[in-house]
Amino acid sequence: MPFLPQLRSRRRTPKPGEVLTQMLVIAALLLGIARILSLIGRW
């Protein structure tokens, strides 16, 4: 993954708000995937 060192050199300490938004986005994606899987399982 070549883009990781660039991000680290740009900002080494991410803001807590950005981390929270990333966690919320990941949680929303996981919930959506779980809902889709449950719907597929019902068929």
PDB file of N, CA and C in Angstrom:
ATOM      1  N   MET A   1       0.856  -1.197   0.000  1.00  0.00           N
ATOM      2  CA  MET A   1       0.000   0.000   0.000  1.00  0.00           C
ATOM      3  C   MET A   1       0.893   1.249   0.000  1.00  0.00           C
ATOM      4  N   PRO A   2       1.053   1.870  -1.135  1.00  0.00           N
ATOM      5  CA  PRO A   2       2.018   2.990  -1.244  1.00  0.00           C
ATOM      6  C   PRO A   2       1.506   4.297  -0.661  1.00  0.00           C
ATOM      7  N   PHE A   3       0.209   4.411  -0.388  1.00  0.00           N
ATOM      8  CA  PHE A   3      -0.322   5.714   0.031  1.00  0.00           C
ATOM      9  C   PHE A   3      -0.255   5.900   1.544  1.00  0.00           C
ATOM     10  N   LEU A   4       0.096   4.829   2.286  1.00  0.00           N
ATOM     11  CA  LEU A   4       0.140   4.973   3.748  1.00  0.00           C
ATOM     12  C   LEU A   4       1.255   5.902   4.208  1.00  0.00           C
ATOM     13  N   PRO A   5       2.488   5.765   3.716  1.00  0.00           N
ATOM     14  CA  PRO A   5       3.553   6.669   4.199  1.00  0.00           C
ATOM     15  C   PRO A   5       3.256   8.135   3.885  1.00  0.00           C
ATOM     16  N   GLN A   6       2.594   8.405   2.760  1.00  0.00           N
ATOM     17  CA  GLN A   6       2.266   9.798   2.434  1.00  0.00           C
ATOM     18  C   GLN A   6       1.310  10.377   3.476  1.00  0.00           C
ATOM     19  N   LEU A   7       0.302   9.597   3.863  1.00  0.00           N
ATOM     20  CA  LEU A   7      -0.639  10.098   4.870  1.00  0.00           C
ATOM     21  C   LEU A   7       0.073  10.307   6.197  1.00  0.00           C
ATOM     22  N   ARG A   8       0.976   9.382   6.545  1.00  0.00           N
ATOM     23  CA  ARG A   8       1.670   9.517   7.827  1.00  0.00           C
ATOM     24  C   ARG A   8       2.556  10.762   7.821  1.00  0.00           C
ATOM     25  N   SER A   9       3.222  11.027   6.702  1.00  0.00           N
ATOM     26  CA  SER A   9       4.109  12.192   6.665  1.00  0.00           C
ATOM     27  C   SER A   9       3.288  13.478   6.682  1.00  0.00           C
ATOM     28  N   ARG A  10       2.094  13.431   6.087  1.00  0.00           N
ATOM     29  CA  ARG A  10       1.279  14.647   6.043  1.00  0.00           C
ATOM     30  C   ARG A  10       0.774  14.999   7.441  1.00  0.00           C
ATOM     31  N   ARG A  11       0.091  14.086   8.079  1.00  0.00           N
ATOM     32  CA  ARG A  11      -0.442  14.342   9.431  1.00  0.00           C
ATOM     33  C   ARG A  11      -0.176  13.104  10.272  1.00  0.00           C
ATOM     34  N   ARG A  12       0.611  13.280  11.334  1.00  0.00           N
ATOM     35  CA  ARG A  12       0.980  12.112  12.142  1.00  0.00           C
ATOM     36  C   ARG A  12      -0.023  11.876  13.259  1.00  0.00           C
ATOM     37  N   THR A  13      -0.721  12.917  13.707  1.00  0.00           N
ATOM     38  CA  THR A  13      -1.719  12.740  14.769  1.00  0.00           C
ATOM     39  C   THR A  13      -3.093  13.144  14.228  1.00  0.00           C
ATOM     40  N   PRO A  14      -3.940  12.173  13.927  1.00  0.00           N
ATOM     41  CA  PRO A  14      -5.275  12.501  13.406  1.00  0.00           C
ATOM     42  C   PRO A  14      -6.142  13.137  14.477  1.00  0.00           C
ATOM     43  N   LYS A  15      -7.036  13.987  14.046  1.00  0.00           N
ATOM     44  CA  LYS A  15      -7.933  14.649  14.992  1.00  0.00           C
ATOM     45  C   LYS A  15      -8.946  13.638  15.540  1.00  0.00           C
ATOM     46  N   PRO A  16      -9.352  13.800  16.803  1.00  0.00           N
ATOM     47  CA  PRO A  16     -10.329  12.855  17.369  1.00  0.00           C
ATOM     48  C   PRO A  16     -11.648  12.869  16.603  1.00  0.00           C
ATOM     49  N   GLY A  17     -12.022  14.027  16.074  1.00  0.00           N
ATOM     50  CA  GLY A  17     -13.263  14.090  15.307  1.00  0.00           C
ATOM     51  C   GLY A  17     -13.190  13.228  14.057  1.00  0.00           C
ATOM     52  N   GLU A  18     -12.034  13.248  13.391  1.00  0.00           N
ATOM     53  CA  GLU A  18     -11.900  12.435  12.180  1.00  0.00           C
ATOM     54  C   GLU A  18     -11.960  10.950  12.523  1.00  0.00           C
ATOM     55  N   VAL A  19     -11.341  10.574  13.637  1.00  0.00           N
ATOM     56  CA  VAL A  19     -11.381   9.162  14.031  1.00  0.00           C
ATOM     57  C   VAL A  19     -12.815   8.749  14.334  1.00  0.00           C
ATOM     58  N   LEU A  20     -13.566   9.631  15.002  1.00  0.00           N
ATOM     59  CA  LEU A  20     -14.965   9.305  15.329  1.00  0.00           C
ATOM     60  C   LEU A  20     -15.785   9.152  14.053  1.00  0.00           C
ATOM     61  N   THR A  21     -15.591  10.058  13.099  1.00  0.00           N
ATOM     62  CA  THR A  21     -16.356   9.955  11.855  1.00  0.00           C
ATOM     63  C   THR A  21     -15.995   8.672  11.116  1.00  0.00           C
ATOM     64  N   GLN A  22     -14.707   8.316  11.111  1.00  0.00           N
ATOM     65  CA  GLN A  22     -14.312   7.072  10.444  1.00  0.00           C
ATOM     66  C   GLN A  22     -14.963   5.877  11.119  1.00  0.00           C
ATOM     67  N   MET A  23     -14.978   5.872  12.456  1.00  0.00           N
ATOM     68  CA  MET A  23     -15.597   4.751  13.169  1.00  0.00           C
ATOM     69  C   MET A  23     -17.097   4.696  12.877  1.00  0.00           C
ATOM     70  N   LEU A  24     -17.748   5.855  12.797  1.00  0.00           N
ATOM     71  CA  LEU A  24     -19.184   5.868  12.506  1.00  0.00           C
ATOM     72  C   LEU A  24     -19.448   5.338  11.103  1.00  0.00           C
ATOM     73  N   VAL A  25     -18.623   5.748  10.151  1.00  0.00           N
ATOM     74  CA  VAL A  25     -18.806   5.266   8.772  1.00  0.00           C
ATOM     75  C   VAL A  25     -18.615   3.755   8.714  1.00  0.00           C
ATOM     76  N   ILE A  26     -17.580   3.258   9.396  1.00  0.00           N
ATOM     77  CA  ILE A  26     -17.336   1.807   9.374  1.00  0.00           C
ATOM     78  C   ILE A  26     -18.497   1.076  10.036  1.00  0.00           C
ATOM     79  N   ALA A  27     -18.997   1.613  11.148  1.00  0.00           N
ATOM     80  CA  ALA A  27     -20.119   0.962  11.826  1.00  0.00           C
ATOM     81  C   ALA A  27     -21.351   0.953  10.923  1.00  0.00           C
ATOM     82  N   ALA A  28     -21.605   2.055  10.227  1.00  0.00           N
ATOM     83  CA  ALA A  28     -22.766   2.111   9.329  1.00  0.00           C
ATOM     84  C   ALA A  28     -22.612   1.084   8.205  1.00  0.00           C
ATOM     85  N   LEU A  29     -21.402   0.966   7.661  1.00  0.00           N
ATOM     86  CA  LEU A  29     -21.179  -0.017   6.594  1.00  0.00           C
ATOM     87  C   LEU A  29     -21.409  -1.429   7.118  1.00  0.00           C
ATOM     88  N   LEU A  30     -20.910  -1.716   8.322  1.00  0.00           N
ATOM     89  CA  LEU A  30     -21.090  -3.064   8.875  1.00  0.00           C
ATOM     90  C   LEU A  30     -22.576  -3.340   9.109  1.00  0.00           C
ATOM     91  N   LEU A  31     -23.314  -2.342   9.606  1.00  0.00           N
ATOM     92  CA  LEU A  31     -24.748  -2.547   9.830  1.00  0.00           C
ATOM     93  C   LEU A  31     -25.466  -2.788   8.505  1.00  0.00           C
ATOM     94  N   GLY A  32     -25.115  -2.030   7.482  1.00  0.00           N
ATOM     95  CA  GLY A  32     -25.744  -2.235   6.177  1.00  0.00           C
ATOM     96  C   GLY A  32     -25.452  -3.619   5.630  1.00  0.00           C
ATOM     97  N   ILE A  33     -24.198  -4.068   5.761  1.00  0.00           N
ATOM     98  CA  ILE A  33     -23.844  -5.408   5.261  1.00  0.00           C
ATOM     99  C   ILE A  33     -24.620  -6.469   6.045  1.00  0.00           C
ATOM    100  N   ALA A  34     -24.729  -6.272   7.369  1.00  0.00           N
ATOM    101  CA  ALA A  34     -25.459  -7.260   8.174  1.00  0.00           C
ATOM    102  C   ALA A  34     -26.925  -7.305   7.749  1.00  0.00           C
ATOM    103  N   ARG A  35     -27.514  -6.153   7.482  1.00  0.00           N
ATOM    104  CA  ARG A  35     -28.925  -6.136   7.054  1.00  0.00           C
ATOM    105  C   ARG A  35     -29.083  -6.841   5.716  1.00  0.00           C
ATOM    106  N   ILE A  36     -28.174  -6.562   4.774  1.00  0.00           N
ATOM    107  CA  ILE A  36     -28.269  -7.208   3.455  1.00  0.00           C
ATOM    108  C   ILE A  36     -28.115  -8.725   3.603  1.00  0.00           C
ATOM    109  N   LEU A  37     -27.167  -9.149   4.440  1.00  0.00           N
ATOM    110  CA  LEU A  37     -26.972 -10.593   4.625  1.00  0.00           C
ATOM    111  C   LEU A  37     -28.206 -11.216   5.267  1.00  0.00           C
ATOM    112  N   SER A  38     -28.811 -10.543   6.216  1.00  0.00           N
ATOM    113  CA  SER A  38     -30.003 -11.105   6.864  1.00  0.00           C
ATOM    114  C   SER A  38     -31.152 -11.187   5.856  1.00  0.00           C
ATOM    115  N   LEU A  39     -31.274 -10.174   4.984  1.00  0.00           N
ATOM    116  CA  LEU A  39     -32.328 -10.220   3.968  1.00  0.00           C
ATOM    117  C   LEU A  39     -32.074 -11.373   3.002  1.00  0.00           C
ATOM    118  N   ILE A  40     -30.801 -11.549   2.604  1.00  0.00           N
ATOM    119  CA  ILE A  40     -30.488 -12.649   1.683  1.00  0.00           C
ATOM    120  C   ILE A  40     -30.761 -13.990   2.369  1.00  0.00           C
ATOM    121  N   GLY A  41     -30.475 -14.077   3.667  1.00  0.00           N
ATOM    122  CA  GLY A  41     -30.699 -15.335   4.374  1.00  0.00           C
ATOM    123  C   GLY A  41     -32.177 -15.687   4.471  1.00  0.00           C
ATOM    124  N   ARG A  42     -33.058 -14.696   4.442  1.00  0.00           N
ATOM    125  CA  ARG A  42     -34.496 -14.970   4.548  1.00  0.00           C
ATOM    126  C   ARG A  42     -35.040 -15.561   3.255  1.00  0.00           C
ATOM    127  N   TRP A  43     -34.418 -15.248   2.126  1.00  0.00           N
ATOM    128  CA  TRP A  43     -34.962 -15.745   0.847  1.00  0.00           C
ATOM    129  C   TRP A  43     -34.972 -17.264   0.812  1.00  0.00           C
TER     130      TRP A  43
END
